[in-house]
Amino acid sequence: MKRATKSADEDDVAGRGRRYYTYLQRAGVASAIKRRMRRRERRAGKPARPAPPATCRPYYCPTVDDYECCGYHCGFDVCCSAPELHWPLTQAERYLLRILGEPIPGE
């Protein structure tokens, strides 16, 4: 299977005329170009990361008595068996947490 090339130097390395190009005869030049090609192939083969939510809404959980964030940042969606008791964090509470130096979930 032929590799998809992105630039002319990759064509020179992957093609048959490689031995005729003098710049490819220097130590490490061809291997650096090949490394770049393999790295791009590996990255293209990886699955795309899910996009973070547009807005993260931190909330207070009275069961745990702590402020928490959405499941994207902390790894879980529901912290307890009573999610109806959660109440969202207001701007004033965020400001107070910032003054106290405590970490604000989702920021």
PDB file of N, CA and C in Angstrom:
ATOM      1  N   MET A   1       0.832  -1.172   0.000  1.00  0.00           N
ATOM      2  CA  MET A   1       0.000   0.000   0.000  1.00  0.00           C
ATOM      3  C   MET A   1       0.885   1.246   0.000  1.00  0.00           C
ATOM      4  N   LYS A   2       0.599   2.146  -0.899  1.00  0.00           N
ATOM      5  CA  LYS A   2       1.400   3.349  -1.011  1.00  0.00           C
ATOM      6  C   LYS A   2       0.943   4.379   0.012  1.00  0.00           C
ATOM      7  N   ARG A   3       1.904   5.014   0.658  1.00  0.00           N
ATOM      8  CA  ARG A   3       1.589   6.027   1.662  1.00  0.00           C
ATOM      9  C   ARG A   3       1.152   7.321   0.988  1.00  0.00           C
ATOM     10  N   ALA A   4       0.222   7.990   1.605  1.00  0.00           N
ATOM     11  CA  ALA A   4      -0.202   9.301   1.118  1.00  0.00           C
ATOM     12  C   ALA A   4       0.843  10.317   1.557  1.00  0.00           C
ATOM     13  N   THR A   5       1.396  11.049   0.600  1.00  0.00           N
ATOM     14  CA  THR A   5       2.422  12.032   0.920  1.00  0.00           C
ATOM     15  C   THR A   5       1.793  13.417   0.968  1.00  0.00           C
ATOM     16  N   LYS A   6       2.387  14.268   1.780  1.00  0.00           N
ATOM     17  CA  LYS A   6       1.853  15.599   1.975  1.00  0.00           C
ATOM     18  C   LYS A   6       2.745  16.674   1.362  1.00  0.00           C
ATOM     19  N   SER A   7       4.001  16.382   1.173  1.00  0.00           N
ATOM     20  CA  SER A   7       4.922  17.378   0.632  1.00  0.00           C
ATOM     21  C   SER A   7       5.869  16.715  -0.366  1.00  0.00           C
ATOM     22  N   ALA A   8       6.642  17.545  -1.031  1.00  0.00           N
ATOM     23  CA  ALA A   8       7.549  17.044  -2.064  1.00  0.00           C
ATOM     24  C   ALA A   8       8.691  16.219  -1.474  1.00  0.00           C
ATOM     25  N   ASP A   9       9.166  16.588  -0.299  1.00  0.00           N
ATOM     26  CA  ASP A   9      10.265  15.809   0.282  1.00  0.00           C
ATOM     27  C   ASP A   9       9.798  14.414   0.673  1.00  0.00           C
ATOM     28  N   GLU A  10       8.536  14.267   1.044  1.00  0.00           N
ATOM     29  CA  GLU A  10       8.010  12.929   1.327  1.00  0.00           C
ATOM     30  C   GLU A  10       7.899  12.121   0.044  1.00  0.00           C
ATOM     31  N   ASP A  11       7.558  12.776  -1.057  1.00  0.00           N
ATOM     32  CA  ASP A  11       7.541  12.085  -2.346  1.00  0.00           C
ATOM     33  C   ASP A  11       8.939  11.608  -2.716  1.00  0.00           C
ATOM     34  N   ASP A  12       9.949  12.444  -2.442  1.00  0.00           N
ATOM     35  CA  ASP A  12      11.328  12.080  -2.762  1.00  0.00           C
ATOM     36  C   ASP A  12      11.788  10.867  -1.959  1.00  0.00           C
ATOM     37  N   VAL A  13      11.422  10.798  -0.690  1.00  0.00           N
ATOM     38  CA  VAL A  13      11.838   9.681   0.157  1.00  0.00           C
ATOM     39  C   VAL A  13      11.085   8.414  -0.206  1.00  0.00           C
ATOM     40  N   ALA A  14       9.788   8.533  -0.466  1.00  0.00           N
ATOM     41  CA  ALA A  14       8.970   7.355  -0.742  1.00  0.00           C
ATOM     42  C   ALA A  14       9.123   6.863  -2.183  1.00  0.00           C
ATOM     43  N   GLY A  15       9.585   7.728  -3.076  1.00  0.00           N
ATOM     44  CA  GLY A  15       9.691   7.361  -4.488  1.00  0.00           C
ATOM     45  C   GLY A  15      10.932   6.562  -4.813  1.00  0.00           C
ATOM     46  N   ARG A  16      11.048   6.208  -6.090  1.00  0.00           N
ATOM     47  CA  ARG A  16      12.171   5.384  -6.544  1.00  0.00           C
ATOM     48  C   ARG A  16      13.445   6.194  -6.781  1.00  0.00           C
ATOM     49  N   GLY A  17      13.318   7.499  -6.958  1.00  0.00           N
ATOM     50  CA  GLY A  17      14.490   8.311  -7.264  1.00  0.00           C
ATOM     51  C   GLY A  17      15.227   8.802  -6.042  1.00  0.00           C
ATOM     52  N   ARG A  18      15.034   8.136  -4.943  1.00  0.00           N
ATOM     53  CA  ARG A  18      15.626   8.575  -3.674  1.00  0.00           C
ATOM     54  C   ARG A  18      17.153   8.652  -3.734  1.00  0.00           C
ATOM     55  N   ARG A  19      17.782   7.741  -4.416  1.00  0.00           N
ATOM     56  CA  ARG A  19      19.242   7.718  -4.432  1.00  0.00           C
ATOM     57  C   ARG A  19      19.844   8.821  -5.292  1.00  0.00           C
ATOM     58  N   TYR A  20      19.026   9.499  -6.079  1.00  0.00           N
ATOM     59  CA  TYR A  20      19.530  10.559  -6.948  1.00  0.00           C
ATOM     60  C   TYR A  20      19.511  11.939  -6.292  1.00  0.00           C
ATOM     61  N   TYR A  21      18.761  12.093  -5.198  1.00  0.00           N
ATOM     62  CA  TYR A  21      18.672  13.388  -4.525  1.00  0.00           C
ATOM     63  C   TYR A  21      19.807  13.493  -3.501  1.00  0.00           C
ATOM     64  N   THR A  22      20.630  14.518  -3.662  1.00  0.00           N
ATOM     65  CA  THR A  22      21.799  14.639  -2.792  1.00  0.00           C
ATOM     66  C   THR A  22      21.433  15.067  -1.374  1.00  0.00           C
ATOM     67  N   TYR A  23      20.359  15.823  -1.212  1.00  0.00           N
ATOM     68  CA  TYR A  23      20.025  16.256   0.157  1.00  0.00           C
ATOM     69  C   TYR A  23      19.559  15.104   1.023  1.00  0.00           C
ATOM     70  N   LEU A  24      19.120  14.014   0.395  1.00  0.00           N
ATOM     71  CA  LEU A  24      18.685  12.845   1.173  1.00  0.00           C
ATOM     72  C   LEU A  24      19.863  11.967   1.583  1.00  0.00           C
ATOM     73  N   GLN A  25      21.044  12.243   1.076  1.00  0.00           N
ATOM     74  CA  GLN A  25      22.214  11.432   1.405  1.00  0.00           C
ATOM     75  C   GLN A  25      22.825  11.813   2.745  1.00  0.00           C
ATOM     76  N   ARG A  26      22.492  12.995   3.252  1.00  0.00           N
ATOM     77  CA  ARG A  26      23.024  13.401   4.560  1.00  0.00           C
ATOM     78  C   ARG A  26      22.415  12.546   5.664  1.00  0.00           C
ATOM     79  N   ALA A  27      23.152  12.403   6.732  1.00  0.00           N
ATOM     80  CA  ALA A  27      22.712  11.547   7.833  1.00  0.00           C
ATOM     81  C   ALA A  27      21.468  12.112   8.503  1.00  0.00           C
ATOM     82  N   GLY A  28      20.460  11.292   8.636  1.00  0.00           N
ATOM     83  CA  GLY A  28      19.276  11.651   9.399  1.00  0.00           C
ATOM     84  C   GLY A  28      18.175  12.368   8.639  1.00  0.00           C
ATOM     85  N   VAL A  29      18.429  12.785   7.419  1.00  0.00           N
ATOM     86  CA  VAL A  29      17.421  13.549   6.684  1.00  0.00           C
ATOM     87  C   VAL A  29      16.260  12.649   6.278  1.00  0.00           C
ATOM     88  N   ALA A  30      16.558  11.539   5.640  1.00  0.00           N
ATOM     89  CA  ALA A  30      15.501  10.633   5.193  1.00  0.00           C
ATOM     90  C   ALA A  30      14.749  10.037   6.377  1.00  0.00           C
ATOM     91  N   SER A  31      15.471   9.700   7.439  1.00  0.00           N
ATOM     92  CA  SER A  31      14.799   9.106   8.594  1.00  0.00           C
ATOM     93  C   SER A  31      13.894  10.125   9.286  1.00  0.00           C
ATOM     94  N   ALA A  32      14.284  11.402   9.285  1.00  0.00           N
ATOM     95  CA  ALA A  32      13.431  12.423   9.891  1.00  0.00           C
ATOM     96  C   ALA A  32      12.144  12.599   9.094  1.00  0.00           C
ATOM     97  N   ILE A  33      12.252  12.539   7.779  1.00  0.00           N
ATOM     98  CA  ILE A  33      11.062  12.663   6.938  1.00  0.00           C
ATOM     99  C   ILE A  33      10.162  11.450   7.120  1.00  0.00           C
ATOM    100  N   LYS A  34      10.741  10.267   7.174  1.00  0.00           N
ATOM    101  CA  LYS A  34       9.951   9.052   7.393  1.00  0.00           C
ATOM    102  C   LYS A  34       9.274   9.072   8.767  1.00  0.00           C
ATOM    103  N   ARG A  35       9.998   9.569   9.776  1.00  0.00           N
ATOM    104  CA  ARG A  35       9.429   9.670  11.120  1.00  0.00           C
ATOM    105  C   ARG A  35       8.201  10.583  11.118  1.00  0.00           C
ATOM    106  N   ARG A  36       8.306  11.690  10.387  1.00  0.00           N
ATOM    107  CA  ARG A  36       7.185  12.622  10.284  1.00  0.00           C
ATOM    108  C   ARG A  36       5.984  11.962   9.606  1.00  0.00           C
ATOM    109  N   MET A  37       6.246  11.147   8.574  1.00  0.00           N
ATOM    110  CA  MET A  37       5.163  10.462   7.874  1.00  0.00           C
ATOM    111  C   MET A  37       4.495   9.432   8.784  1.00  0.00           C
ATOM    112  N   ARG A  38       5.303   8.651   9.515  1.00  0.00           N
ATOM    113  CA  ARG A  38       4.728   7.635  10.409  1.00  0.00           C
ATOM    114  C   ARG A  38       3.928   8.275  11.535  1.00  0.00           C
ATOM    115  N   ARG A  39       4.438   9.383  12.076  1.00  0.00           N
ATOM    116  CA  ARG A  39       3.733  10.079  13.153  1.00  0.00           C
ATOM    117  C   ARG A  39       2.359  10.563  12.670  1.00  0.00           C
ATOM    118  N   ARG A  40       2.318  11.116  11.448  1.00  0.00           N
ATOM    119  CA  ARG A  40       1.045  11.578  10.908  1.00  0.00           C
ATOM    120  C   ARG A  40       0.077  10.417  10.698  1.00  0.00           C
ATOM    121  N   GLU A  41       0.586   9.258  10.250  1.00  0.00           N
ATOM    122  CA  GLU A  41      -0.267   8.083  10.071  1.00  0.00           C
ATOM    123  C   GLU A  41      -0.830   7.590  11.400  1.00  0.00           C
ATOM    124  N   ARG A  42       0.014   7.585  12.437  1.00  0.00           N
ATOM    125  CA  ARG A  42      -0.470   7.140  13.752  1.00  0.00           C
ATOM    126  C   ARG A  42      -1.545   8.081  14.282  1.00  0.00           C
ATOM    127  N   ARG A  43      -1.321   9.387  14.152  1.00  0.00           N
ATOM    128  CA  ARG A  43      -2.306  10.351  14.640  1.00  0.00           C
ATOM    129  C   ARG A  43      -3.609  10.259  13.865  1.00  0.00           C
ATOM    130  N   ALA A  44      -3.523   9.990  12.577  1.00  0.00           N
ATOM    131  CA  ALA A  44      -4.740   9.870  11.773  1.00  0.00           C
ATOM    132  C   ALA A  44      -5.527   8.616  12.146  1.00  0.00           C
ATOM    133  N   GLY A  45      -4.836   7.586  12.636  1.00  0.00           N
ATOM    134  CA  GLY A  45      -5.507   6.347  13.001  1.00  0.00           C
ATOM    135  C   GLY A  45      -6.166   6.370  14.363  1.00  0.00           C
ATOM    136  N   LYS A  46      -5.819   7.342  15.197  1.00  0.00           N
ATOM    137  CA  LYS A  46      -6.404   7.417  16.529  1.00  0.00           C
ATOM    138  C   LYS A  46      -7.823   7.973  16.461  1.00  0.00           C
ATOM    139  N   PRO A  47      -8.699   7.508  17.336  1.00  0.00           N
ATOM    140  CA  PRO A  47     -10.050   8.091  17.358  1.00  0.00           C
ATOM    141  C   PRO A  47     -10.016   9.515  17.889  1.00  0.00           C
ATOM    142  N   ALA A  48     -10.918  10.311  17.411  1.00  0.00           N
ATOM    143  CA  ALA A  48     -10.979  11.712  17.831  1.00  0.00           C
ATOM    144  C   ALA A  48     -11.502  11.804  19.260  1.00  0.00           C
ATOM    145  N   ARG A  49     -10.943  12.748  20.019  1.00  0.00           N
ATOM    146  CA  ARG A  49     -11.404  12.960  21.396  1.00  0.00           C
ATOM    147  C   ARG A  49     -12.767  13.629  21.369  1.00  0.00           C
ATOM    148  N   PRO A  50     -13.636  13.281  22.304  1.00  0.00           N
ATOM    149  CA  PRO A  50     -14.931  13.963  22.342  1.00  0.00           C
ATOM    150  C   PRO A  50     -14.757  15.422  22.736  1.00  0.00           C
ATOM    151  N   ALA A  51     -15.574  16.250  22.159  1.00  0.00           N
ATOM    152  CA  ALA A  51     -15.488  17.684  22.453  1.00  0.00           C
ATOM    153  C   ALA A  51     -16.036  17.960  23.846  1.00  0.00           C
ATOM    154  N   PRO A  52     -15.426  18.882  24.589  1.00  0.00           N
ATOM    155  CA  PRO A  52     -15.961  19.220  25.908  1.00  0.00           C
ATOM    156  C   PRO A  52     -17.297  19.924  25.770  1.00  0.00           C
ATOM    157  N   PRO A  53     -18.108  19.882  26.798  1.00  0.00           N
ATOM    158  CA  PRO A  53     -19.397  20.558  26.721  1.00  0.00           C
ATOM    159  C   PRO A  53     -19.197  22.061  26.537  1.00  0.00           C
ATOM    160  N   ALA A  54     -20.160  22.683  25.857  1.00  0.00           N
ATOM    161  CA  ALA A  54     -20.040  24.114  25.578  1.00  0.00           C
ATOM    162  C   ALA A  54     -20.001  24.919  26.871  1.00  0.00           C
ATOM    163  N   THR A  55     -20.841  24.562  27.804  1.00  0.00           N
ATOM    164  CA  THR A  55     -20.832  25.243  29.095  1.00  0.00           C
ATOM    165  C   THR A  55     -20.792  24.204  30.195  1.00  0.00           C
ATOM    166  N   CYS A  56     -19.930  24.403  31.129  1.00  0.00           N
ATOM    167  CA  CYS A  56     -19.816  23.503  32.264  1.00  0.00           C
ATOM    168  C   CYS A  56     -20.574  24.141  33.420  1.00  0.00           C
ATOM    169  N   ARG A  57     -21.480  23.401  33.998  1.00  0.00           N
ATOM    170  CA  ARG A  57     -22.306  23.941  35.076  1.00  0.00           C
ATOM    171  C   ARG A  57     -21.977  23.243  36.397  1.00  0.00           C
ATOM    172  N   PRO A  58     -21.118  23.833  37.199  1.00  0.00           N
ATOM    173  CA  PRO A  58     -20.820  23.260  38.507  1.00  0.00           C
ATOM    174  C   PRO A  58     -22.060  23.297  39.408  1.00  0.00           C
ATOM    175  N   TYR A  59     -22.128  22.373  40.342  1.00  0.00           N
ATOM    176  CA  TYR A  59     -23.263  22.314  41.252  1.00  0.00           C
ATOM    177  C   TYR A  59     -22.795  21.928  42.650  1.00  0.00           C
ATOM    178  N   TYR A  60     -23.655  22.169  43.609  1.00  0.00           N
ATOM    179  CA  TYR A  60     -23.385  21.799  45.003  1.00  0.00           C
ATOM    180  C   TYR A  60     -24.192  20.552  45.318  1.00  0.00           C
ATOM    181  N   CYS A  61     -23.534  19.559  45.897  1.00  0.00           N
ATOM    182  CA  CYS A  61     -24.200  18.317  46.286  1.00  0.00           C
ATOM    183  C   CYS A  61     -24.271  18.276  47.812  1.00  0.00           C
ATOM    184  N   PRO A  62     -25.465  18.367  48.414  1.00  0.00           N
ATOM    185  CA  PRO A  62     -25.564  18.339  49.867  1.00  0.00           C
ATOM    186  C   PRO A  62     -25.233  16.975  50.470  1.00  0.00           C
ATOM    187  N   THR A  63     -25.366  15.903  49.702  1.00  0.00           N
ATOM    188  CA  THR A  63     -25.043  14.575  50.226  1.00  0.00           C
ATOM    189  C   THR A  63     -23.551  14.461  50.519  1.00  0.00           C
ATOM    190  N   VAL A  64     -22.732  14.953  49.617  1.00  0.00           N
ATOM    191  CA  VAL A  64     -21.282  14.893  49.774  1.00  0.00           C
ATOM    192  C   VAL A  64     -20.764  16.141  50.484  1.00  0.00           C
ATOM    193  N   ASP A  65     -21.568  17.198  50.485  1.00  0.00           N
ATOM    194  CA  ASP A  65     -21.216  18.500  51.057  1.00  0.00           C
ATOM    195  C   ASP A  65     -19.993  19.081  50.356  1.00  0.00           C
ATOM    196  N   ASP A  66     -20.074  19.097  49.018  1.00  0.00           N
ATOM    197  CA  ASP A  66     -18.970  19.611  48.229  1.00  0.00           C
ATOM    198  C   ASP A  66     -19.496  20.105  46.894  1.00  0.00           C
ATOM    199  N   TYR A  67     -18.684  20.966  46.247  1.00  0.00           N
ATOM    200  CA  TYR A  67     -19.008  21.450  44.919  1.00  0.00           C
ATOM    201  C   TYR A  67     -18.424  20.484  43.908  1.00  0.00           C
ATOM    202  N   GLU A  68     -19.204  20.193  42.876  1.00  0.00           N
ATOM    203  CA  GLU A  68     -18.762  19.253  41.858  1.00  0.00           C
ATOM    204  C   GLU A  68     -19.068  19.815  40.485  1.00  0.00           C
ATOM    205  N   CYS A  69     -18.542  19.112  39.489  1.00  0.00           N
ATOM    206  CA  CYS A  69     -18.667  19.575  38.116  1.00  0.00           C
ATOM    207  C   CYS A  69     -19.383  18.507  37.297  1.00  0.00           C
ATOM    208  N   CYS A  70     -19.512  18.771  36.010  1.00  0.00           N
ATOM    209  CA  CYS A  70     -20.147  17.807  35.124  1.00  0.00           C
ATOM    210  C   CYS A  70     -19.276  16.558  34.993  1.00  0.00           C
ATOM    211  N   GLY A  71     -19.794  15.530  34.385  1.00  0.00           N
ATOM    212  CA  GLY A  71     -19.083  14.266  34.261  1.00  0.00           C
ATOM    213  C   GLY A  71     -17.886  14.311  33.333  1.00  0.00           C
ATOM    214  N   TYR A  72     -17.790  15.323  32.479  1.00  0.00           N
ATOM    215  CA  TYR A  72     -16.669  15.393  31.547  1.00  0.00           C
ATOM    216  C   TYR A  72     -15.357  15.642  32.271  1.00  0.00           C
ATOM    217  N   HIS A  73     -15.364  16.483  33.295  1.00  0.00           N
ATOM    218  CA  HIS A  73     -14.132  16.852  33.975  1.00  0.00           C
ATOM    219  C   HIS A  73     -13.748  15.876  35.085  1.00  0.00           C
ATOM    220  N   CYS A  74     -14.727  15.378  35.832  1.00  0.00           N
ATOM    221  CA  CYS A  74     -14.376  14.601  37.018  1.00  0.00           C
ATOM    222  C   CYS A  74     -14.550  13.096  36.820  1.00  0.00           C
ATOM    223  N   GLY A  75     -15.099  12.664  35.709  1.00  0.00           N
ATOM    224  CA  GLY A  75     -15.141  11.239  35.420  1.00  0.00           C
ATOM    225  C   GLY A  75     -16.417  10.528  35.818  1.00  0.00           C
ATOM    226  N   PHE A  76     -17.358  11.194  36.440  1.00  0.00           N
ATOM    227  CA  PHE A  76     -18.629  10.548  36.747  1.00  0.00           C
ATOM    228  C   PHE A  76     -19.755  11.539  36.512  1.00  0.00           C
ATOM    229  N   ASP A  77     -20.972  11.002  36.290  1.00  0.00           N
ATOM    230  CA  ASP A  77     -22.106  11.864  35.980  1.00  0.00           C
ATOM    231  C   ASP A  77     -22.924  12.203  37.215  1.00  0.00           C
ATOM    232  N   VAL A  78     -23.183  11.215  38.046  1.00  0.00           N
ATOM    233  CA  VAL A  78     -24.008  11.428  39.222  1.00  0.00           C
ATOM    234  C   VAL A  78     -23.225  10.980  40.446  1.00  0.00           C
ATOM    235  N   CYS A  79     -23.111  11.860  41.434  1.00  0.00           N
ATOM    236  CA  CYS A  79     -22.284  11.537  42.591  1.00  0.00           C
ATOM    237  C   CYS A  79     -23.050  10.751  43.651  1.00  0.00           C
ATOM    238  N   CYS A  80     -24.359  10.854  43.651  1.00  0.00           N
ATOM    239  CA  CYS A  80     -25.127  10.191  44.709  1.00  0.00           C
ATOM    240  C   CYS A  80     -26.452   9.701  44.136  1.00  0.00           C
ATOM    241  N   SER A  81     -27.284   9.158  45.001  1.00  0.00           N
ATOM    242  CA  SER A  81     -28.568   8.626  44.550  1.00  0.00           C
ATOM    243  C   SER A  81     -29.667   9.676  44.554  1.00  0.00           C
ATOM    244  N   ALA A  82     -29.343  10.921  44.910  1.00  0.00           N
ATOM    245  CA  ALA A  82     -30.351  11.975  44.956  1.00  0.00           C
ATOM    246  C   ALA A  82     -29.909  13.195  44.145  1.00  0.00           C
ATOM    247  N   PRO A  83     -29.825  13.077  42.811  1.00  0.00           N
ATOM    248  CA  PRO A  83     -29.389  14.223  42.010  1.00  0.00           C
ATOM    249  C   PRO A  83     -30.396  15.369  42.014  1.00  0.00           C
ATOM    250  N   GLU A  84     -31.628  15.107  42.452  1.00  0.00           N
ATOM    251  CA  GLU A  84     -32.616  16.191  42.506  1.00  0.00           C
ATOM    252  C   GLU A  84     -32.297  17.204  43.607  1.00  0.00           C
ATOM    253  N   LEU A  85     -31.415  16.835  44.552  1.00  0.00           N
ATOM    254  CA  LEU A  85     -31.026  17.757  45.613  1.00  0.00           C
ATOM    255  C   LEU A  85     -29.910  18.713  45.193  1.00  0.00           C
ATOM    256  N   HIS A  86     -29.277  18.454  44.050  1.00  0.00           N
ATOM    257  CA  HIS A  86     -28.198  19.321  43.583  1.00  0.00           C
ATOM    258  C   HIS A  86     -28.739  20.696  43.219  1.00  0.00           C
ATOM    259  N   TRP A  87     -27.974  21.729  43.546  1.00  0.00           N
ATOM    260  CA  TRP A  87     -28.352  23.067  43.109  1.00  0.00           C
ATOM    261  C   TRP A  87     -27.165  23.733  42.457  1.00  0.00           C
ATOM    262  N   PRO A  88     -27.419  24.478  41.376  1.00  0.00           N
ATOM    263  CA  PRO A  88     -26.310  25.036  40.600  1.00  0.00           C
ATOM    264  C   PRO A  88     -25.567  26.123  41.350  1.00  0.00           C
ATOM    265  N   LEU A  89     -24.328  26.298  40.971  1.00  0.00           N
ATOM    266  CA  LEU A  89     -23.469  27.313  41.562  1.00  0.00           C
ATOM    267  C   LEU A  89     -23.772  28.670  40.926  1.00  0.00           C
ATOM    268  N   THR A  90     -24.018  29.679  41.738  1.00  0.00           N
ATOM    269  CA  THR A  90     -24.297  31.015  41.214  1.00  0.00           C
ATOM    270  C   THR A  90     -22.986  31.778  41.019  1.00  0.00           C
ATOM    271  N   GLN A  91     -23.087  32.921  40.379  1.00  0.00           N
ATOM    272  CA  GLN A  91     -21.900  33.744  40.157  1.00  0.00           C
ATOM    273  C   GLN A  91     -21.319  34.227  41.487  1.00  0.00           C
ATOM    274  N   ALA A  92     -22.191  34.545  42.445  1.00  0.00           N
ATOM    275  CA  ALA A  92     -21.718  35.010  43.746  1.00  0.00           C
ATOM    276  C   ALA A  92     -20.933  33.905  44.467  1.00  0.00           C
ATOM    277  N   GLU A  93     -21.410  32.682  44.375  1.00  0.00           N
ATOM    278  CA  GLU A  93     -20.706  31.573  45.015  1.00  0.00           C
ATOM    279  C   GLU A  93     -19.369  31.293  44.331  1.00  0.00           C
ATOM    280  N   ARG A  94     -19.328  31.446  43.015  1.00  0.00           N
ATOM    281  CA  ARG A  94     -18.049  31.287  42.308  1.00  0.00           C
ATOM    282  C   ARG A  94     -17.059  32.349  42.771  1.00  0.00           C
ATOM    283  N   TYR A  95     -17.542  33.578  42.908  1.00  0.00           N
ATOM    284  CA  TYR A  95     -16.685  34.669  43.358  1.00  0.00           C
ATOM    285  C   TYR A  95     -16.164  34.391  44.767  1.00  0.00           C
ATOM    286  N   LEU A  96     -17.031  33.895  45.650  1.00  0.00           N
ATOM    287  CA  LEU A  96     -16.631  33.586  47.023  1.00  0.00           C
ATOM    288  C   LEU A  96     -15.578  32.472  47.048  1.00  0.00           C
ATOM    289  N   LEU A  97     -15.772  31.432  46.245  1.00  0.00           N
ATOM    290  CA  LEU A  97     -14.789  30.352  46.183  1.00  0.00           C
ATOM    291  C   LEU A  97     -13.450  30.880  45.662  1.00  0.00           C
ATOM    292  N   ARG A  98     -13.502  31.794  44.702  1.00  0.00           N
ATOM    293  CA  ARG A  98     -12.270  32.356  44.155  1.00  0.00           C
ATOM    294  C   ARG A  98     -11.528  33.167  45.213  1.00  0.00           C
ATOM    295  N   ILE A  99     -12.278  33.919  46.029  1.00  0.00           N
ATOM    296  CA  ILE A  99     -11.655  34.711  47.099  1.00  0.00           C
ATOM    297  C   ILE A  99     -11.033  33.796  48.151  1.00  0.00           C
ATOM    298  N   LEU A 100     -11.731  32.724  48.496  1.00  0.00           N
ATOM    299  CA  LEU A 100     -11.230  31.797  49.516  1.00  0.00           C
ATOM    300  C   LEU A 100     -10.054  30.959  49.008  1.00  0.00           C
ATOM    301  N   GLY A 101      -9.842  30.966  47.704  1.00  0.00           N
ATOM    302  CA  GLY A 101      -8.719  30.213  47.144  1.00  0.00           C
ATOM    303  C   GLY A 101      -9.021  28.754  46.924  1.00  0.00           C
ATOM    304  N   GLU A 102     -10.277  28.377  46.985  1.00  0.00           N
ATOM    305  CA  GLU A 102     -10.646  26.980  46.745  1.00  0.00           C
ATOM    306  C   GLU A 102     -10.823  26.773  45.258  1.00  0.00           C
ATOM    307  N   PRO A 103     -10.551  25.571  44.771  1.00  0.00           N
ATOM    308  CA  PRO A 103     -10.712  25.317  43.339  1.00  0.00           C
ATOM    309  C   PRO A 103     -12.191  25.326  42.951  1.00  0.00           C
ATOM    310  N   ILE A 104     -12.464  25.951  41.835  1.00  0.00           N
ATOM    311  CA  ILE A 104     -13.834  26.000  41.321  1.00  0.00           C
ATOM    312  C   ILE A 104     -13.958  24.867  40.310  1.00  0.00           C
ATOM    313  N   PRO A 105     -14.924  23.975  40.484  1.00  0.00           N
ATOM    314  CA  PRO A 105     -15.049  22.852  39.556  1.00  0.00           C
ATOM    315  C   PRO A 105     -15.334  23.341  38.141  1.00  0.00           C
ATOM    316  N   GLY A 106     -14.672  22.759  37.178  1.00  0.00           N
ATOM    317  CA  GLY A 106     -14.887  23.095  35.786  1.00  0.00           C
ATOM    318  C   GLY A 106     -14.058  24.256  35.285  1.00  0.00           C
ATOM    319  N   GLU A 107     -13.217  24.840  36.116  1.00  0.00           N
ATOM    320  CA  GLU A 107     -12.377  25.954  35.674  1.00  0.00           C
ATOM    321  C   GLU A 107     -10.920  25.634  35.891  1.00  0.00           C
TER     322      GLU A 107
END
